Protein backbone atom coordinates (compact mmCIF):
# COMPACT_ATOMS: atom_id res chain seq x y z
CA MET A 1 62.97 -25.76 46.58
CA ILE A 2 61.88 -22.48 48.11
CA GLY A 3 61.44 -19.91 45.35
CA PRO A 4 60.45 -16.32 44.89
CA GLY A 5 56.85 -15.08 45.24
CA VAL A 6 54.61 -14.65 42.34
CA GLY A 7 55.12 -10.90 42.21
CA ALA A 8 58.94 -10.96 42.51
CA ARG A 9 60.84 -8.86 40.03
CA VAL A 10 63.72 -10.82 38.47
CA MET A 11 66.48 -9.53 36.24
CA ILE A 12 69.05 -11.80 34.53
CA ALA A 13 72.48 -10.44 33.68
CA THR A 14 73.04 -11.98 30.24
CA ARG A 15 76.76 -11.71 30.15
CA PRO A 16 78.82 -14.18 32.33
CA VAL A 17 80.53 -12.80 35.40
CA ASP A 18 83.53 -13.82 37.45
CA PHE A 19 82.19 -16.36 39.90
CA ARG A 20 84.76 -15.48 42.48
CA LYS A 21 82.71 -12.35 43.19
CA GLY A 22 80.67 -12.36 46.44
CA PRO A 23 77.46 -10.57 47.19
CA ASP A 24 79.08 -7.08 47.70
CA ALA A 25 80.92 -7.22 44.47
CA LEU A 26 77.89 -8.49 42.57
CA ALA A 27 75.78 -5.62 44.18
CA ALA A 28 78.38 -3.11 42.97
CA LEU A 29 78.12 -4.60 39.49
CA VAL A 30 74.37 -4.28 39.51
CA GLY A 31 74.70 -0.46 40.10
CA ALA A 32 77.74 0.14 37.85
CA GLU A 33 76.98 -2.05 34.88
CA TYR A 34 73.22 -2.40 34.79
CA GLY A 35 72.03 0.83 36.42
CA GLY A 36 69.94 -1.09 38.93
CA ASP A 37 69.57 -0.78 42.67
CA PRO A 38 70.79 -3.95 44.41
CA PHE A 39 68.84 -2.95 47.54
CA SER A 40 65.48 -2.55 45.86
CA GLY A 41 64.21 -6.14 46.41
CA VAL A 42 64.70 -7.13 42.79
CA ILE A 43 66.32 -10.47 42.38
CA TYR A 44 69.47 -10.27 40.21
CA VAL A 45 70.61 -13.52 38.52
CA PHE A 46 74.17 -14.09 37.32
CA ARG A 47 75.73 -16.80 35.19
CA ALA A 48 79.28 -18.20 35.08
CA LYS A 49 81.11 -18.99 31.87
CA ARG A 50 80.24 -22.56 32.52
CA SER A 51 76.49 -23.14 31.97
CA ASP A 52 76.11 -25.32 35.15
CA ARG A 53 76.45 -22.44 37.73
CA ILE A 54 74.16 -19.67 38.85
CA LYS A 55 74.22 -16.99 41.58
CA LEU A 56 71.37 -14.78 42.77
CA ILE A 57 71.47 -11.72 44.93
CA TRP A 58 68.55 -9.83 46.44
CA TRP A 59 67.88 -7.49 49.39
CA ASP A 60 65.29 -9.10 51.71
CA GLY A 61 64.81 -5.93 53.89
CA THR A 62 67.42 -6.80 56.50
CA GLY A 63 70.45 -7.78 54.49
CA LEU A 64 71.88 -8.74 51.07
CA CYS A 65 71.29 -12.36 50.28
CA LEU A 66 73.34 -14.65 48.06
CA MET A 67 72.26 -17.97 46.60
CA ALA A 68 74.59 -20.14 44.52
CA LYS A 69 73.70 -23.38 42.68
CA LYS A 70 75.84 -25.76 40.57
CA LEU A 71 73.97 -28.53 38.68
CA GLU A 72 75.49 -31.96 39.02
CA GLN A 73 74.45 -32.93 35.47
CA GLY A 74 73.66 -30.82 32.41
CA GLY A 75 73.46 -26.98 32.46
CA PHE A 76 71.09 -24.17 32.97
CA ARG A 77 69.13 -22.92 29.85
CA TRP A 78 70.56 -19.36 29.58
CA PRO A 79 69.45 -16.58 27.29
CA GLY A 80 71.79 -15.51 24.54
CA ILE A 81 74.98 -13.73 25.62
CA GLN A 82 74.69 -10.00 25.16
CA ASP A 83 75.30 -6.87 27.14
CA GLY A 84 72.61 -5.82 29.70
CA VAL A 85 69.86 -7.55 31.71
CA MET A 86 66.57 -9.04 30.77
CA ARG A 87 63.46 -9.34 32.89
CA VAL A 88 61.84 -12.76 33.52
CA THR A 89 58.92 -13.84 35.74
CA ALA A 90 59.21 -15.61 39.03
CA ALA A 91 57.80 -18.73 37.35
CA GLN A 92 60.53 -18.57 34.63
CA LEU A 93 63.15 -18.17 37.36
CA GLY A 94 61.80 -21.28 39.05
CA ALA A 95 62.11 -23.22 35.89
CA LEU A 96 65.66 -21.92 35.24
CA LEU A 97 66.69 -22.90 38.70
CA GLU A 98 65.43 -26.38 38.10
CA GLY A 99 67.42 -26.72 34.84
CA LEU A 100 64.30 -26.55 32.72
CA ASP A 101 63.64 -24.46 29.60
CA TRP A 102 62.35 -21.30 31.23
CA ARG A 103 61.17 -19.91 27.75
CA ARG A 104 58.36 -22.38 27.77
CA VAL A 105 56.94 -20.99 31.04
CA HIS A 106 54.45 -18.17 30.70
CA GLY A 107 52.80 -16.02 33.35
CA GLY A 108 49.69 -17.52 34.92
CA ARG A 109 46.28 -16.17 34.15
CA ARG A 110 44.71 -13.80 36.63
CA PRO A 111 41.52 -15.08 38.21
CA GLN A 112 38.39 -13.34 36.97
CA ALA A 113 35.03 -13.09 38.63
CA PRO A 114 32.29 -14.94 36.79
CA GLN A 115 30.06 -12.79 34.76
CA ILE A 116 26.44 -13.06 35.61
CA ALA A 117 24.19 -12.81 32.60
CA GLY A 118 21.17 -10.74 33.35
């Protein structure tokens, strides 16, 4: 699967949304409900009432993109339902999209130059 880059900013809407909404309606929801800018390049993730469906919207610089996925078996591991959004890493989003437990994924370590003892 093609996923977001390492530095991608990802926000998950923790309350389920009406999955009949398309990209424009979801973008309006981002601005009205979450105070975000849907045209900022941030990836916004939405869940349905059923845990097996997910939608993402983001601005790629030329247009608003929409991705939808429905798992054939099982469900996505969602954070607890509450109002608002929560930030996750690109790696955590990748795990979520695969149906894995994204809470077990942590940001990678930054490479460090070796220290020369002198």
